[in-house]
Amino acid sequence: MKIRNGFVSNSSSTCFVITNTSMDNKTLADFVNENPELVELFNDCYDYEYTHFDMMQCAEFRNQTLFAGDNSVQYGDEDGDILGQVYDYILREGGKSKNFSWKFKEYNR
């Protein structure tokens, strides 16, 4: 019997918390711009060819503000856009950058 140790994707929903750790209001586009390696990592892991420009367009369309300390934002591939698809897989490991931190919050079936 084969056992998969990694995450198996289906129609479930995952929730991530992105926190603006700076003292200024930031946008989702600021997060994308500050973390271009996330789309590169996704492309390498899953054999896609999304660009930083694609991610920025999607973030600008979403037009979300991330206020310091109040940033519970849900992402998943069910959102139907590039940000949802990329962040559903890449934010699971958690991390931080100059003005942001992110972590996995919950998995909903």
C-alpha atoms as a PDB file:
ATOM      1  CA  MET A   1       0.000   0.000   0.000  1.00  0.00           C
ATOM      2  CA  LYS A   2       1.295   3.465  -0.904  1.00  0.00           C
ATOM      3  CA  ILE A   3       0.994   6.244   1.649  1.00  0.00           C
ATOM      4  CA  ARG A   4       1.313   9.855   0.635  1.00  0.00           C
ATOM      5  CA  ASN A   5       3.092  12.004   3.200  1.00  0.00           C
ATOM      6  CA  GLY A   6       2.430  15.340   1.465  1.00  0.00           C
ATOM      7  CA  PHE A   7      -0.747  17.371   1.242  1.00  0.00           C
ATOM      8  CA  VAL A   8      -3.455  16.016  -1.053  1.00  0.00           C
ATOM      9  CA  SER A   9      -5.535  18.716  -2.717  1.00  0.00           C
ATOM     10  CA  ASN A  10      -9.251  18.423  -3.355  1.00  0.00           C
ATOM     11  CA  SER A  11     -12.210  20.761  -3.080  1.00  0.00           C
ATOM     12  CA  SER A  12     -11.450  21.557   0.545  1.00  0.00           C
ATOM     13  CA  SER A  13     -10.770  25.063   1.737  1.00  0.00           C
ATOM     14  CA  THR A  14      -7.583  26.225   3.399  1.00  0.00           C
ATOM     15  CA  CYS A  15      -7.143  29.426   5.339  1.00  0.00           C
ATOM     16  CA  PHE A  16      -3.962  31.413   5.786  1.00  0.00           C
ATOM     17  CA  VAL A  17      -3.197  34.450   7.881  1.00  0.00           C
ATOM     18  CA  ILE A  18      -1.105  37.140   6.244  1.00  0.00           C
ATOM     19  CA  THR A  19       0.005  39.758   8.756  1.00  0.00           C
ATOM     20  CA  ASN A  20       1.279  43.213   7.917  1.00  0.00           C
ATOM     21  CA  THR A  21       4.148  43.540  10.392  1.00  0.00           C
ATOM     22  CA  SER A  22       4.948  47.141   9.436  1.00  0.00           C
ATOM     23  CA  MET A  23       3.483  50.246  11.014  1.00  0.00           C
ATOM     24  CA  ASP A  24       1.938  51.376   7.695  1.00  0.00           C
ATOM     25  CA  ASN A  25      -1.103  50.168   5.789  1.00  0.00           C
ATOM     26  CA  LYS A  26      -0.084  47.800   3.009  1.00  0.00           C
ATOM     27  CA  THR A  27      -1.979  46.213   0.144  1.00  0.00           C
ATOM     28  CA  LEU A  28      -2.110  42.707  -1.223  1.00  0.00           C
ATOM     29  CA  ALA A  29      -0.159  44.091  -4.194  1.00  0.00           C
ATOM     30  CA  ASP A  30       2.566  45.192  -1.752  1.00  0.00           C
ATOM     31  CA  PHE A  31       2.707  41.620  -0.427  1.00  0.00           C
ATOM     32  CA  VAL A  32       2.990  40.182  -3.960  1.00  0.00           C
ATOM     33  CA  ASN A  33       5.634  42.728  -4.940  1.00  0.00           C
ATOM     34  CA  GLU A  34       7.702  42.063  -1.822  1.00  0.00           C
ATOM     35  CA  ASN A  35       7.593  38.279  -2.293  1.00  0.00           C
ATOM     36  CA  PRO A  36       8.166  37.488  -5.991  1.00  0.00           C
ATOM     37  CA  GLU A  37       9.923  34.256  -5.061  1.00  0.00           C
ATOM     38  CA  LEU A  38       6.573  32.721  -4.040  1.00  0.00           C
ATOM     39  CA  VAL A  39       5.324  32.522  -7.637  1.00  0.00           C
ATOM     40  CA  GLU A  40       8.743  31.276  -8.756  1.00  0.00           C
ATOM     41  CA  LEU A  41       8.616  28.527  -6.129  1.00  0.00           C
ATOM     42  CA  PHE A  42       5.105  27.555  -7.226  1.00  0.00           C
ATOM     43  CA  ASN A  43       6.192  27.411 -10.866  1.00  0.00           C
ATOM     44  CA  ASP A  44       9.185  25.237 -10.007  1.00  0.00           C
ATOM     45  CA  CYS A  45       7.184  22.853  -7.818  1.00  0.00           C
ATOM     46  CA  TYR A  46       4.112  22.481 -10.024  1.00  0.00           C
ATOM     47  CA  ASP A  47       5.465  23.153 -13.542  1.00  0.00           C
ATOM     48  CA  TYR A  48       3.488  26.337 -14.238  1.00  0.00           C
ATOM     49  CA  GLU A  49       4.612  29.521 -15.967  1.00  0.00           C
ATOM     50  CA  TYR A  50       2.868  32.285 -14.029  1.00  0.00           C
ATOM     51  CA  THR A  51       4.710  35.582 -13.908  1.00  0.00           C
ATOM     52  CA  HIS A  52       5.134  38.232 -11.253  1.00  0.00           C
ATOM     53  CA  PHE A  53       3.158  40.516 -13.581  1.00  0.00           C
ATOM     54  CA  ASP A  54       0.239  37.998 -13.563  1.00  0.00           C
ATOM     55  CA  MET A  55       0.288  37.972  -9.766  1.00  0.00           C
ATOM     56  CA  MET A  56       0.406  41.769  -9.542  1.00  0.00           C
ATOM     57  CA  GLN A  57      -2.554  42.175 -11.903  1.00  0.00           C
ATOM     58  CA  CYS A  58      -4.605  39.772  -9.799  1.00  0.00           C
ATOM     59  CA  ALA A  59      -3.605  41.494  -6.535  1.00  0.00           C
ATOM     60  CA  GLU A  60      -4.460  44.918  -7.929  1.00  0.00           C
ATOM     61  CA  PHE A  61      -7.837  43.601  -9.092  1.00  0.00           C
ATOM     62  CA  ARG A  62      -8.563  42.227  -5.602  1.00  0.00           C
ATOM     63  CA  ASN A  63      -7.629  45.632  -4.127  1.00  0.00           C
ATOM     64  CA  GLN A  64      -7.252  44.370  -0.530  1.00  0.00           C
ATOM     65  CA  THR A  65      -5.712  46.481   2.221  1.00  0.00           C
ATOM     66  CA  LEU A  66      -3.729  44.734   4.943  1.00  0.00           C
ATOM     67  CA  PHE A  67      -3.883  46.742   8.152  1.00  0.00           C
ATOM     68  CA  ALA A  68      -1.230  46.093  10.783  1.00  0.00           C
ATOM     69  CA  GLY A  69      -2.352  43.299  13.112  1.00  0.00           C
ATOM     70  CA  ASP A  70      -5.763  42.607  11.504  1.00  0.00           C
ATOM     71  CA  ASN A  71      -5.113  40.434   8.483  1.00  0.00           C
ATOM     72  CA  SER A  72      -7.006  37.177   8.357  1.00  0.00           C
ATOM     73  CA  VAL A  73      -7.301  36.533   4.633  1.00  0.00           C
ATOM     74  CA  GLN A  74      -8.482  33.263   3.127  1.00  0.00           C
ATOM     75  CA  TYR A  75      -6.851  31.907  -0.019  1.00  0.00           C
ATOM     76  CA  GLY A  76      -7.460  28.763  -1.979  1.00  0.00           C
ATOM     77  CA  ASP A  77      -7.641  27.433  -5.491  1.00  0.00           C
ATOM     78  CA  GLU A  78     -11.437  27.619  -5.217  1.00  0.00           C
ATOM     79  CA  ASP A  79     -11.047  31.413  -5.545  1.00  0.00           C
ATOM     80  CA  GLY A  80     -10.616  30.830  -9.277  1.00  0.00           C
ATOM     81  CA  ASP A  81      -7.681  33.172  -9.769  1.00  0.00           C
ATOM     82  CA  ILE A  82      -3.906  32.940  -9.889  1.00  0.00           C
ATOM     83  CA  LEU A  83      -3.358  34.280  -6.366  1.00  0.00           C
ATOM     84  CA  GLY A  84      -5.694  31.696  -4.919  1.00  0.00           C
ATOM     85  CA  GLN A  85      -4.034  28.866  -6.775  1.00  0.00           C
ATOM     86  CA  VAL A  86      -0.459  29.904  -5.974  1.00  0.00           C
ATOM     87  CA  TYR A  87      -1.015  30.898  -2.351  1.00  0.00           C
ATOM     88  CA  ASP A  88      -3.159  27.833  -1.594  1.00  0.00           C
ATOM     89  CA  TYR A  89      -0.038  25.738  -2.088  1.00  0.00           C
ATOM     90  CA  ILE A  90       2.873  28.038  -1.299  1.00  0.00           C
ATOM     91  CA  LEU A  91       1.751  29.755   1.922  1.00  0.00           C
ATOM     92  CA  ARG A  92       1.286  26.409   3.707  1.00  0.00           C
ATOM     93  CA  GLU A  93       4.881  26.359   4.900  1.00  0.00           C
ATOM     94  CA  GLY A  94       4.643  29.756   6.589  1.00  0.00           C
ATOM     95  CA  GLY A  95       7.257  32.454   6.288  1.00  0.00           C
ATOM     96  CA  LYS A  96       8.107  36.100   6.593  1.00  0.00           C
ATOM     97  CA  SER A  97       9.540  38.975   4.613  1.00  0.00           C
ATOM     98  CA  LYS A  98      10.446  42.576   5.437  1.00  0.00           C
ATOM     99  CA  ASN A  99       6.847  43.807   6.018  1.00  0.00           C
ATOM    100  CA  PHE A 100       4.779  40.613   6.225  1.00  0.00           C
ATOM    101  CA  SER A 101       4.502  37.215   7.854  1.00  0.00           C
ATOM    102  CA  TRP A 102       2.186  34.361   6.890  1.00  0.00           C
ATOM    103  CA  LYS A 103       1.130  31.055   8.351  1.00  0.00           C
ATOM    104  CA  PHE A 104      -1.325  28.236   7.849  1.00  0.00           C
ATOM    105  CA  LYS A 105      -4.433  28.730   9.951  1.00  0.00           C
ATOM    106  CA  GLU A 106      -6.892  25.913   9.257  1.00  0.00           C
ATOM    107  CA  TYR A 107      -8.039  23.265   6.854  1.00  0.00           C
ATOM    108  CA  ASN A 108     -11.791  23.028   6.266  1.00  0.00           C
ATOM    109  CA  ARG A 109     -13.489  20.074   4.597  1.00  0.00           C
END
